[in-house]
């Protein structure tokens, strides 16, 4: 898989960071394309520190195509639970995201990426939305910004992340993010730290996440106060 494709997980969930890099290179008159698919089974789907599956397991999958020029496109999908959405009446049970973008590496350690992502919920179109996502990565650090085009649907999100290779081919990942609600509501911070390793061809990860959302605010928004609690997520991924 081209290196730029590994950044796509940041627009979804940290669980997929442990995915095993694999891709099929396809030659064409227009240049070489890398095509890859990833399947993930996770104990939860965490988005900006909050469960999107009401604390239940998530099955996720992606298909990515990247051109040697740096252009790429892909689709990602996961189950969700409507109880994890404000109002508890959205009817959403699946999320399908589409994205296109361009990544450029100045050196092996410094790169930039610009992505346009569309988030769709077939049973709850009121949650559909777009985000413009620029990011820069340097020496293991990533600084990114997600601008939600639809005010109140996808709040603005700014994050910094860091990846570090530990001994025994274990990857340490950490992030800190700020959600700006824009249209009202409480802004909040989330953070995570996790480890991942390839075992028998599978990417295995363990990720701790938390937020500073007040339990009363969480209960008023989601109907329960535990959707914003700290979470320990286990994920297993396989790329083809």
Protein backbone atom coordinates (compact mmCIF):
# COMPACT_ATOMS: atom_id res chain seq x y z
CA UNK A 1 0.00 0.00 0.00
CA UNK A 2 1.29 3.47 -0.78
CA UNK A 3 2.33 5.33 2.35
CA UNK A 4 -0.26 8.07 1.83
CA UNK A 5 -3.10 5.56 2.24
CA UNK A 6 -2.14 4.90 5.85
CA UNK A 7 -3.28 8.44 6.74
CA UNK A 8 -6.82 7.70 5.69
CA UNK A 9 -7.53 5.94 8.95
CA UNK A 10 -7.39 9.27 10.73
CA UNK A 11 -10.68 10.23 9.11
CA UNK A 12 -12.37 7.18 10.53
CA UNK A 13 -11.05 5.45 13.65
CA UNK A 14 -7.78 4.71 15.33
CA UNK A 15 -8.64 1.04 15.32
CA UNK A 16 -7.62 0.67 11.68
CA UNK A 17 -4.11 2.00 12.29
CA UNK A 18 -3.02 -1.55 12.98
CA UNK A 19 -4.02 -2.73 9.52
CA UNK A 20 -1.44 -4.78 7.65
CA UNK A 21 -0.09 -2.85 4.67
CA UNK A 22 -0.83 -4.80 1.49
CA UNK A 23 -1.73 -3.78 -2.02
CA UNK A 24 -1.86 -5.02 -5.57
CA UNK A 25 -0.04 -2.81 -8.08
CA UNK A 26 -1.87 -2.46 -11.37
CA UNK A 27 0.02 -1.12 -14.38
CA UNK A 28 -1.88 0.92 -16.96
CA UNK A 29 -1.24 3.45 -19.74
CA UNK A 30 -2.11 6.13 -17.16
CA UNK A 31 0.55 4.95 -14.71
CA UNK A 32 0.66 2.54 -11.80
CA UNK A 33 -2.23 2.15 -9.35
CA UNK A 34 -2.13 0.52 -5.94
CA UNK A 35 -5.38 -1.21 -4.97
CA UNK A 36 -5.97 -2.47 -1.44
CA UNK A 37 -8.81 -3.71 0.75
CA UNK A 38 -8.92 -3.89 4.54
CA UNK A 39 -11.34 -5.69 6.87
CA UNK A 40 -11.44 -4.80 10.58
CA UNK A 41 -13.22 -6.30 13.57
CA UNK A 42 -13.18 -3.97 16.59
CA UNK A 43 -14.69 -4.12 20.05
CA UNK A 44 -16.06 -0.58 19.50
CA UNK A 45 -16.16 2.16 16.88
CA UNK A 46 -14.66 5.25 18.50
CA UNK A 47 -15.09 8.63 16.80
CA UNK A 48 -13.43 11.62 18.45
CA UNK A 49 -13.45 9.81 21.76
CA UNK A 50 -17.10 8.73 21.58
CA UNK A 51 -18.65 5.37 20.75
CA UNK A 52 -20.61 5.22 17.50
CA UNK A 53 -21.86 1.71 18.21
CA UNK A 54 -23.20 2.28 21.73
CA UNK A 55 -20.33 0.28 23.16
CA UNK A 56 -20.88 -2.72 20.90
CA UNK A 57 -18.56 -4.37 18.37
CA UNK A 58 -17.93 -2.92 14.91
CA UNK A 59 -17.27 -4.59 11.57
CA UNK A 60 -15.51 -2.27 9.15
CA UNK A 61 -14.10 -2.45 5.65
CA UNK A 62 -12.37 -0.25 3.11
CA UNK A 63 -11.33 -0.20 -0.54
CA UNK A 64 -8.56 2.19 -1.60
CA UNK A 65 -7.04 3.07 -4.96
CA UNK A 66 -3.91 5.25 -5.16
CA UNK A 67 -2.15 6.54 -8.28
CA UNK A 68 1.62 6.97 -8.40
CA UNK A 69 1.07 10.71 -8.84
CA UNK A 70 -0.28 10.99 -5.28
CA UNK A 71 -3.98 11.07 -6.15
CA UNK A 72 -6.16 8.55 -4.31
CA UNK A 73 -9.78 7.64 -3.68
CA UNK A 74 -11.57 5.18 -1.48
CA UNK A 75 -14.65 4.05 0.39
CA UNK A 76 -14.96 2.97 4.04
CA UNK A 77 -17.96 1.48 5.87
CA UNK A 78 -18.93 0.47 9.41
CA UNK A 79 -21.97 -0.48 11.38
CA UNK A 80 -23.24 2.18 13.80
CA UNK A 81 -25.99 2.36 16.43
CA UNK A 82 -28.66 5.06 16.30
CA UNK A 83 -28.56 5.25 20.10
CA UNK A 84 -25.13 6.88 19.77
CA UNK A 85 -26.60 9.83 17.86
CA UNK A 86 -28.25 12.84 19.51
CA UNK A 87 -32.01 12.42 19.72
CA UNK A 88 -31.79 8.60 19.63
CA UNK A 89 -34.24 8.52 16.70
CA UNK A 90 -31.96 8.80 13.68
CA UNK A 91 -32.48 5.22 12.53
CA UNK A 92 -28.85 4.94 11.44
CA UNK A 93 -27.32 1.46 11.46
CA UNK A 94 -24.55 1.86 8.86
CA UNK A 95 -22.07 4.56 7.90
CA UNK A 96 -20.48 4.71 4.45
CA UNK A 97 -17.70 7.25 3.80
CA UNK A 98 -16.27 8.26 0.43
CA UNK A 99 -13.05 10.23 0.00
CA UNK A 100 -10.70 11.58 -2.62
CA UNK A 101 -7.42 13.32 -2.04
CA UNK A 102 -3.84 14.08 -2.95
CA UNK A 103 -0.73 13.26 -0.94
CA UNK A 104 2.78 14.51 -1.61
CA UNK A 105 6.01 13.52 0.10
CA UNK A 106 8.78 16.10 0.20
CA UNK A 107 11.11 13.58 1.86
CA UNK A 108 10.72 10.21 3.55
CA UNK A 109 9.90 12.08 6.77
CA UNK A 110 7.82 15.06 5.59
CA UNK A 111 4.55 14.90 3.62
CA UNK A 112 1.28 16.76 3.12
CA UNK A 113 -2.22 15.58 2.30
CA UNK A 114 -5.46 17.23 1.23
CA UNK A 115 -8.68 15.22 1.31
CA UNK A 116 -12.38 15.71 0.66
CA UNK A 117 -14.57 13.24 2.55
CA UNK A 118 -18.30 12.60 2.37
CA UNK A 119 -20.00 10.82 5.28
CA UNK A 120 -23.31 9.11 4.54
CA UNK A 121 -25.90 7.29 6.64
CA UNK A 122 -28.35 5.55 4.25
CA UNK A 123 -31.11 5.29 6.89
CA UNK A 124 -30.54 8.76 8.34
CA UNK A 125 -29.63 11.25 5.63
CA UNK A 126 -29.89 14.17 8.05
CA UNK A 127 -26.45 13.16 9.34
CA UNK A 128 -24.81 13.20 5.89
CA UNK A 129 -22.04 15.72 5.49
CA UNK A 130 -18.73 16.75 3.94
CA UNK A 131 -15.35 17.53 5.45
CA UNK A 132 -12.27 19.17 3.93
CA UNK A 133 -9.19 17.67 5.61
CA UNK A 134 -5.69 19.15 5.16
CA UNK A 135 -2.81 17.62 7.13
CA UNK A 136 0.97 17.66 7.36
CA UNK A 137 3.19 14.89 8.71
CA UNK A 138 6.79 15.37 9.81
CA UNK A 139 9.07 12.98 11.68
CA UNK A 140 6.21 10.95 13.09
CA UNK A 141 4.01 13.92 14.06
CA UNK A 142 0.80 14.74 12.18
CA UNK A 143 -1.11 18.00 12.43
CA UNK A 144 -4.52 18.03 10.77
CA UNK A 145 -7.78 19.95 10.54
CA UNK A 146 -11.24 18.72 9.54
CA UNK A 147 -13.60 21.44 8.42
CA UNK A 148 -17.24 20.34 8.52
CA UNK A 149 -18.97 22.05 5.61
CA UNK A 150 -22.45 21.64 7.10
CA UNK A 151 -22.67 23.62 10.34
CA UNK A 152 -24.00 21.47 13.15
CA UNK A 153 -23.65 18.20 11.25
CA UNK A 154 -19.89 17.75 11.24
CA UNK A 155 -18.17 20.08 13.70
CA UNK A 156 -14.69 21.41 13.05
CA UNK A 157 -11.96 19.15 14.40
CA UNK A 158 -8.25 19.86 14.88
CA UNK A 159 -5.86 17.13 15.97
CA UNK A 160 -2.21 16.30 16.49
CA UNK A 161 -0.96 12.73 16.37
CA UNK A 162 2.31 10.91 16.82
CA UNK A 163 3.48 7.46 15.68
CA UNK A 164 6.63 5.82 16.98
CA UNK A 165 8.22 2.47 16.22
CA UNK A 166 9.00 0.56 19.41
CA UNK A 167 11.22 -2.53 19.68
CA UNK A 168 9.84 -5.85 18.40
CA UNK A 169 8.05 -4.02 15.55
CA UNK A 170 5.41 -2.60 17.89
CA UNK A 171 3.91 0.74 16.84
CA UNK A 172 2.97 3.33 19.46
CA UNK A 173 0.28 5.83 18.40
CA UNK A 174 -1.06 8.83 20.32
CA UNK A 175 -3.39 11.71 19.45
CA UNK A 176 -5.08 14.75 20.95
CA UNK A 177 -8.03 16.49 19.31
CA UNK A 178 -10.31 19.49 19.79
CA UNK A 179 -13.92 19.47 18.58
CA UNK A 180 -15.46 22.89 17.87
CA UNK A 181 -19.24 22.49 17.69
CA UNK A 182 -19.65 25.73 15.68
CA UNK A 183 -23.45 25.73 15.79
CA UNK A 184 -23.73 25.56 19.57
CA UNK A 185 -23.19 22.90 22.18
CA UNK A 186 -20.17 22.15 24.30
CA UNK A 187 -16.74 22.06 22.68
CA UNK A 188 -14.60 19.23 23.99
CA UNK A 189 -11.20 17.54 23.81
CA UNK A 190 -10.37 13.90 23.26
CA UNK A 191 -7.15 11.93 23.46
CA UNK A 192 -5.91 8.45 22.77
CA UNK A 193 -2.88 6.22 23.07
CA UNK A 194 -2.49 2.80 21.54
CA UNK A 195 -0.13 0.06 20.47
CA UNK A 196 -0.26 -2.12 17.39
CA UNK A 197 1.64 -5.08 15.99
CA UNK A 198 1.40 -7.47 13.07
CA UNK A 199 0.85 -11.02 14.30
CA UNK A 200 0.48 -13.95 11.88
CA UNK A 201 -0.41 -11.52 9.07
CA UNK A 202 -3.05 -9.71 11.13
CA UNK A 203 -2.83 -6.17 12.46
CA UNK A 204 -3.72 -6.22 16.16
CA UNK A 205 -4.18 -3.03 18.18
CA UNK A 206 -5.16 -1.94 21.67
CA UNK A 207 -6.25 1.70 22.02
CA UNK A 208 -7.27 3.74 25.05
CA UNK A 209 -9.49 6.80 24.39
CA UNK A 210 -11.12 9.41 26.60
CA UNK A 211 -12.76 12.86 26.51
CA UNK A 212 -13.34 15.75 28.87
CA UNK A 213 -17.11 15.77 28.19
CA UNK A 214 -19.07 16.22 31.39
CA UNK A 215 -21.25 13.22 32.25
CA UNK A 216 -24.34 15.44 32.58
CA UNK A 217 -23.73 16.95 29.14
CA UNK A 218 -23.25 13.48 27.70
CA UNK A 219 -26.49 12.24 29.26
CA UNK A 220 -28.42 15.28 28.00
CA UNK A 221 -27.07 14.79 24.46
CA UNK A 222 -27.19 11.01 24.07
CA UNK A 223 -29.62 9.90 26.76
CA UNK A 224 -26.88 7.98 28.59
CA UNK A 225 -23.80 9.22 30.42
CA UNK A 226 -21.45 6.36 29.51
CA UNK A 227 -21.12 7.02 25.75
CA UNK A 228 -18.40 9.59 26.50
CA UNK A 229 -16.52 7.52 29.09
CA UNK A 230 -12.98 6.26 28.66
CA UNK A 231 -12.73 3.25 26.39
CA UNK A 232 -10.28 0.43 25.74
CA UNK A 233 -10.72 -0.83 22.19
CA UNK A 234 -9.29 -4.02 20.71
CA UNK A 235 -9.15 -4.35 16.93
CA UNK A 236 -7.95 -6.96 14.45
CA UNK A 237 -7.41 -6.03 10.81
CA UNK A 238 -6.42 -7.80 7.61
CA UNK A 239 -5.43 -6.10 4.37
CA UNK A 240 -5.50 -7.68 0.94
